[in-house]
Amino acid sequence: MRFEISHEFDIPVDAIELAYLSPRLLDDLGARLPDMDTEQLEHDLSDGVLTRRWFFAARVKVPEFARPYVTREMMSWDENSTYDLKKHEASWTIVPRVKPEWQRYLTARGTYSLVARGDGSARIIRGELELHVHAVLRAIAERLILSEVKKAYEAEAASLRELATLV
């Protein structure tokens, strides 16, 4: 499943970029995601490139029928991203926090771009999400995952707006 999520800002791209680069971004984002545990595992800005790794763990109630199949570790992942300041673009991947042999069941990767739009800017996230499971389960699960991804990016947009106005 391919997806695209975009947000418009009435804030210049440079200010949004500074907010994106801020080590405080995940703290602000975490406060906006009450059903999620978050932790910054890596934040390294050098030679015009930000390398970042964030940990997420969903704290959601698993439906009764799914409890024998869905474990806590299945709802935890690392988001790895590399942002190039010259291109105003990042590449990202999601790595599930499951046994290595189970990681092959999920593929999630994409790009994250900041672009100037008149006096403001836009953020465009493009991605591919694929569960390598039975087709019926895959369709349902991918839609659920994508809805959570959209919520997280909505919260991040709000965090970027707030942090960008502090700059």
C-alpha atoms as a PDB file:
ATOM      1  CA  MET A   1       0.000   0.000   0.000  1.00  0.00           C
ATOM      2  CA  ARG A   2       1.421   3.333  -1.064  1.00  0.00           C
ATOM      3  CA  PHE A   3       0.411   6.502   0.723  1.00  0.00           C
ATOM      4  CA  GLU A   4       1.014  10.233   0.776  1.00  0.00           C
ATOM      5  CA  ILE A   5       0.333  12.633   3.627  1.00  0.00           C
ATOM      6  CA  SER A   6       0.858  16.365   3.313  1.00  0.00           C
ATOM      7  CA  HIS A   7       0.506  19.358   5.595  1.00  0.00           C
ATOM      8  CA  GLU A   8       0.589  23.054   4.714  1.00  0.00           C
ATOM      9  CA  PHE A   9       2.222  25.543   7.064  1.00  0.00           C
ATOM     10  CA  ASP A  10       2.019  29.329   7.045  1.00  0.00           C
ATOM     11  CA  ILE A  11       5.576  29.229   8.362  1.00  0.00           C
ATOM     12  CA  PRO A  12       8.730  29.433   6.187  1.00  0.00           C
ATOM     13  CA  VAL A  13      10.473  26.154   5.397  1.00  0.00           C
ATOM     14  CA  ASP A  14      13.603  27.197   7.340  1.00  0.00           C
ATOM     15  CA  ALA A  15      11.622  27.572  10.586  1.00  0.00           C
ATOM     16  CA  ILE A  16       9.830  24.243  10.060  1.00  0.00           C
ATOM     17  CA  GLU A  17      13.187  22.626   9.332  1.00  0.00           C
ATOM     18  CA  LEU A  18      14.685  23.971  12.573  1.00  0.00           C
ATOM     19  CA  ALA A  19      11.723  22.519  14.453  1.00  0.00           C
ATOM     20  CA  TYR A  20      12.189  19.180  12.652  1.00  0.00           C
ATOM     21  CA  LEU A  21      15.869  19.165  13.631  1.00  0.00           C
ATOM     22  CA  SER A  22      15.142  19.964  17.278  1.00  0.00           C
ATOM     23  CA  PRO A  23      15.970  17.266  19.828  1.00  0.00           C
ATOM     24  CA  ARG A  24      12.792  18.478  21.626  1.00  0.00           C
ATOM     25  CA  LEU A  25      10.491  17.396  18.789  1.00  0.00           C
ATOM     26  CA  LEU A  26       9.898  13.887  20.102  1.00  0.00           C
ATOM     27  CA  ASP A  27       9.129  15.137  23.639  1.00  0.00           C
ATOM     28  CA  ASP A  28       6.484  17.479  22.260  1.00  0.00           C
ATOM     29  CA  LEU A  29       5.158  14.791  19.928  1.00  0.00           C
ATOM     30  CA  GLY A  30       5.024  12.208  22.716  1.00  0.00           C
ATOM     31  CA  ALA A  31       2.859  14.536  24.808  1.00  0.00           C
ATOM     32  CA  ARG A  32       0.382  14.654  21.906  1.00  0.00           C
ATOM     33  CA  LEU A  33       0.240  10.857  21.589  1.00  0.00           C
ATOM     34  CA  PRO A  34      -1.160   9.649  24.930  1.00  0.00           C
ATOM     35  CA  ASP A  35      -1.501   6.035  23.748  1.00  0.00           C
ATOM     36  CA  MET A  36       2.124   5.806  22.702  1.00  0.00           C
ATOM     37  CA  ASP A  37       5.422   5.372  24.532  1.00  0.00           C
ATOM     38  CA  THR A  38       8.243   7.245  22.810  1.00  0.00           C
ATOM     39  CA  GLU A  39      11.984   7.512  23.264  1.00  0.00           C
ATOM     40  CA  GLN A  40      14.743   9.188  21.301  1.00  0.00           C
ATOM     41  CA  LEU A  41      17.485   6.611  20.786  1.00  0.00           C
ATOM     42  CA  GLU A  42      19.714   8.601  18.436  1.00  0.00           C
ATOM     43  CA  HIS A  43      19.950  12.220  17.326  1.00  0.00           C
ATOM     44  CA  ASP A  44      23.144  13.107  15.472  1.00  0.00           C
ATOM     45  CA  LEU A  45      23.485  16.206  13.311  1.00  0.00           C
ATOM     46  CA  SER A  46      26.784  16.369  11.473  1.00  0.00           C
ATOM     47  CA  ASP A  47      27.954  17.475   8.039  1.00  0.00           C
ATOM     48  CA  GLY A  48      24.475  18.697   7.113  1.00  0.00           C
ATOM     49  CA  VAL A  49      22.799  15.351   7.817  1.00  0.00           C
ATOM     50  CA  LEU A  50      20.556  14.434  10.741  1.00  0.00           C
ATOM     51  CA  THR A  51      20.548  10.770  11.659  1.00  0.00           C
ATOM     52  CA  ARG A  52      17.719  10.008  14.008  1.00  0.00           C
ATOM     53  CA  ARG A  53      16.211   6.904  15.600  1.00  0.00           C
ATOM     54  CA  TRP A  54      12.992   7.041  17.578  1.00  0.00           C
ATOM     55  CA  PHE A  55      11.347   4.214  19.515  1.00  0.00           C
ATOM     56  CA  PHE A  56       7.556   3.860  19.613  1.00  0.00           C
ATOM     57  CA  ALA A  57       5.312   1.417  21.449  1.00  0.00           C
ATOM     58  CA  ALA A  58       1.548   1.566  21.093  1.00  0.00           C
ATOM     59  CA  ARG A  59      -0.441   1.286  24.312  1.00  0.00           C
ATOM     60  CA  VAL A  60      -3.738   0.154  22.842  1.00  0.00           C
ATOM     61  CA  LYS A  61      -6.271  -2.377  23.943  1.00  0.00           C
ATOM     62  CA  VAL A  62      -6.010  -5.392  21.704  1.00  0.00           C
ATOM     63  CA  PRO A  63      -9.407  -6.903  20.841  1.00  0.00           C
ATOM     64  CA  GLU A  64     -10.141 -10.174  22.631  1.00  0.00           C
ATOM     65  CA  PHE A  65     -10.047 -12.253  19.435  1.00  0.00           C
ATOM     66  CA  ALA A  66      -6.558 -10.962  18.542  1.00  0.00           C
ATOM     67  CA  ARG A  67      -4.888 -11.354  21.954  1.00  0.00           C
ATOM     68  CA  PRO A  68      -3.536 -14.847  21.265  1.00  0.00           C
ATOM     69  CA  TYR A  69      -1.833 -13.523  18.111  1.00  0.00           C
ATOM     70  CA  VAL A  70      -0.815  -9.922  18.851  1.00  0.00           C
ATOM     71  CA  THR A  71       1.877  -9.447  21.467  1.00  0.00           C
ATOM     72  CA  ARG A  72       3.150  -6.237  23.066  1.00  0.00           C
ATOM     73  CA  GLU A  73       6.398  -6.452  21.110  1.00  0.00           C
ATOM     74  CA  MET A  74       4.408  -6.562  17.862  1.00  0.00           C
ATOM     75  CA  MET A  75       3.200  -3.047  18.647  1.00  0.00           C
ATOM     76  CA  SER A  76       6.728  -1.620  19.109  1.00  0.00           C
ATOM     77  CA  TRP A  77       9.051  -0.301  16.445  1.00  0.00           C
ATOM     78  CA  ASP A  78      11.981   1.963  15.680  1.00  0.00           C
ATOM     79  CA  GLU A  79      11.710   4.734  13.120  1.00  0.00           C
ATOM     80  CA  ASN A  80      15.078   5.366  11.491  1.00  0.00           C
ATOM     81  CA  SER A  81      15.520   8.491   9.400  1.00  0.00           C
ATOM     82  CA  THR A  82      18.297  10.356   7.656  1.00  0.00           C
ATOM     83  CA  TYR A  83      17.568  13.999   6.820  1.00  0.00           C
ATOM     84  CA  ASP A  84      19.687  15.928   4.292  1.00  0.00           C
ATOM     85  CA  LEU A  85      19.609  19.692   4.992  1.00  0.00           C
ATOM     86  CA  LYS A  86      20.626  20.600   1.420  1.00  0.00           C
ATOM     87  CA  LYS A  87      17.777  18.581  -0.103  1.00  0.00           C
ATOM     88  CA  HIS A  88      15.279  19.291   2.714  1.00  0.00           C
ATOM     89  CA  GLU A  89      14.430  15.609   2.532  1.00  0.00           C
ATOM     90  CA  ALA A  90      14.668  12.510   4.671  1.00  0.00           C
ATOM     91  CA  SER A  91      14.465   8.841   3.935  1.00  0.00           C
ATOM     92  CA  TRP A  92      12.862   6.726   6.645  1.00  0.00           C
ATOM     93  CA  THR A  93      12.297   3.102   7.509  1.00  0.00           C
ATOM     94  CA  ILE A  94      10.315   1.364  10.198  1.00  0.00           C
ATOM     95  CA  VAL A  95      11.901  -1.607  11.925  1.00  0.00           C
ATOM     96  CA  PRO A  96       9.519  -3.686  14.049  1.00  0.00           C
ATOM     97  CA  ARG A  97      10.806  -4.617  17.501  1.00  0.00           C
ATOM     98  CA  VAL A  98      10.107  -8.294  17.031  1.00  0.00           C
ATOM     99  CA  LYS A  99      12.213 -11.380  16.629  1.00  0.00           C
ATOM    100  CA  PRO A 100      14.487 -10.995  13.587  1.00  0.00           C
ATOM    101  CA  GLU A 101      12.707 -13.808  11.758  1.00  0.00           C
ATOM    102  CA  TRP A 102       9.386 -11.925  12.141  1.00  0.00           C
ATOM    103  CA  GLN A 103      10.698  -8.635  10.769  1.00  0.00           C
ATOM    104  CA  ARG A 104      10.180  -9.890   7.223  1.00  0.00           C
ATOM    105  CA  TYR A 105       6.405  -9.621   7.708  1.00  0.00           C
ATOM    106  CA  LEU A 106       6.432  -5.802   7.615  1.00  0.00           C
ATOM    107  CA  THR A 107       8.010  -3.446   5.129  1.00  0.00           C
ATOM    108  CA  ALA A 108       7.632   0.288   5.719  1.00  0.00           C
ATOM    109  CA  ARG A 109       9.785   2.977   4.158  1.00  0.00           C
ATOM    110  CA  GLY A 110       9.518   6.303   2.430  1.00  0.00           C
ATOM    111  CA  THR A 111      10.533   9.929   2.169  1.00  0.00           C
ATOM    112  CA  TYR A 112       9.782  13.069   4.123  1.00  0.00           C
ATOM    113  CA  SER A 113      10.176  16.392   2.288  1.00  0.00           C
ATOM    114  CA  LEU A 114       9.901  20.029   3.282  1.00  0.00           C
ATOM    115  CA  VAL A 115       9.159  22.410   0.395  1.00  0.00           C
ATOM    116  CA  ALA A 116       8.695  26.172   0.162  1.00  0.00           C
ATOM    117  CA  ARG A 117       5.209  27.309  -0.881  1.00  0.00           C
ATOM    118  CA  GLY A 118       4.963  31.073  -1.277  1.00  0.00           C
ATOM    119  CA  ASP A 119       5.450  32.594   2.178  1.00  0.00           C
ATOM    120  CA  GLY A 120       4.840  29.215   3.819  1.00  0.00           C
ATOM    121  CA  SER A 121       5.867  25.624   3.395  1.00  0.00           C
ATOM    122  CA  ALA A 122       4.557  22.116   3.027  1.00  0.00           C
ATOM    123  CA  ARG A 123       5.596  18.772   4.385  1.00  0.00           C
ATOM    124  CA  ILE A 124       5.062  15.766   2.149  1.00  0.00           C
ATOM    125  CA  ILE A 125       5.421  12.230   3.450  1.00  0.00           C
ATOM    126  CA  ARG A 126       5.398   9.458   0.881  1.00  0.00           C
ATOM    127  CA  GLY A 127       5.589   5.876   1.916  1.00  0.00           C
ATOM    128  CA  GLU A 128       5.070   2.232   1.228  1.00  0.00           C
ATOM    129  CA  LEU A 129       3.552  -0.031   3.836  1.00  0.00           C
ATOM    130  CA  GLU A 130       3.212  -3.731   3.271  1.00  0.00           C
ATOM    131  CA  LEU A 131       2.359  -6.578   5.553  1.00  0.00           C
ATOM    132  CA  HIS A 132       3.439  -9.937   4.212  1.00  0.00           C
ATOM    133  CA  VAL A 133       0.536 -11.934   5.634  1.00  0.00           C
ATOM    134  CA  HIS A 134      -2.755 -13.447   4.432  1.00  0.00           C
ATOM    135  CA  ALA A 135      -4.543 -11.084   1.994  1.00  0.00           C
ATOM    136  CA  VAL A 136      -7.694 -10.596   4.095  1.00  0.00           C
ATOM    137  CA  LEU A 137      -5.739  -9.847   7.256  1.00  0.00           C
ATOM    138  CA  ARG A 138      -3.299  -7.673   5.292  1.00  0.00           C
ATOM    139  CA  ALA A 139      -6.027  -5.379   3.917  1.00  0.00           C
ATOM    140  CA  ILE A 140      -7.568  -4.791   7.340  1.00  0.00           C
ATOM    141  CA  ALA A 141      -4.278  -4.438   9.204  1.00  0.00           C
ATOM    142  CA  GLU A 142      -2.690  -2.088   6.651  1.00  0.00           C
ATOM    143  CA  ARG A 143      -5.699   0.247   6.858  1.00  0.00           C
ATOM    144  CA  LEU A 144      -5.514   0.225  10.665  1.00  0.00           C
ATOM    145  CA  ILE A 145      -1.780   0.868  10.649  1.00  0.00           C
ATOM    146  CA  LEU A 146      -2.163   3.686   8.122  1.00  0.00           C
ATOM    147  CA  SER A 147      -4.851   5.354  10.235  1.00  0.00           C
ATOM    148  CA  GLU A 148      -2.430   5.345  13.198  1.00  0.00           C
ATOM    149  CA  VAL A 149       0.379   6.664  10.992  1.00  0.00           C
ATOM    150  CA  LYS A 150      -1.864   9.553   9.909  1.00  0.00           C
ATOM    151  CA  LYS A 151      -2.689  10.371  13.549  1.00  0.00           C
ATOM    152  CA  ALA A 152       1.008  10.432  14.403  1.00  0.00           C
ATOM    153  CA  TYR A 153       1.841  12.738  11.488  1.00  0.00           C
ATOM    154  CA  GLU A 154      -1.073  15.052  12.420  1.00  0.00           C
ATOM    155  CA  ALA A 155       0.370  15.270  15.930  1.00  0.00           C
ATOM    156  CA  GLU A 156       3.846  15.884  14.515  1.00  0.00           C
ATOM    157  CA  ALA A 157       2.497  18.692  12.306  1.00  0.00           C
ATOM    158  CA  ALA A 158       1.066  20.362  15.426  1.00  0.00           C
ATOM    159  CA  SER A 159       4.406  19.909  17.218  1.00  0.00           C
ATOM    160  CA  LEU A 160       6.297  21.400  14.274  1.00  0.00           C
ATOM    161  CA  ARG A 161       3.969  24.422  14.217  1.00  0.00           C
ATOM    162  CA  GLU A 162       4.479  24.982  17.940  1.00  0.00           C
ATOM    163  CA  LEU A 163       8.253  24.530  17.915  1.00  0.00           C
ATOM    164  CA  ALA A 164       8.660  26.630  14.749  1.00  0.00           C
ATOM    165  CA  THR A 165       6.958  29.590  16.413  1.00  0.00           C
ATOM    166  CA  LEU A 166       9.417  29.363  19.324  1.00  0.00           C
ATOM    167  CA  VAL A 167      12.421  29.657  17.015  1.00  0.00           C
END
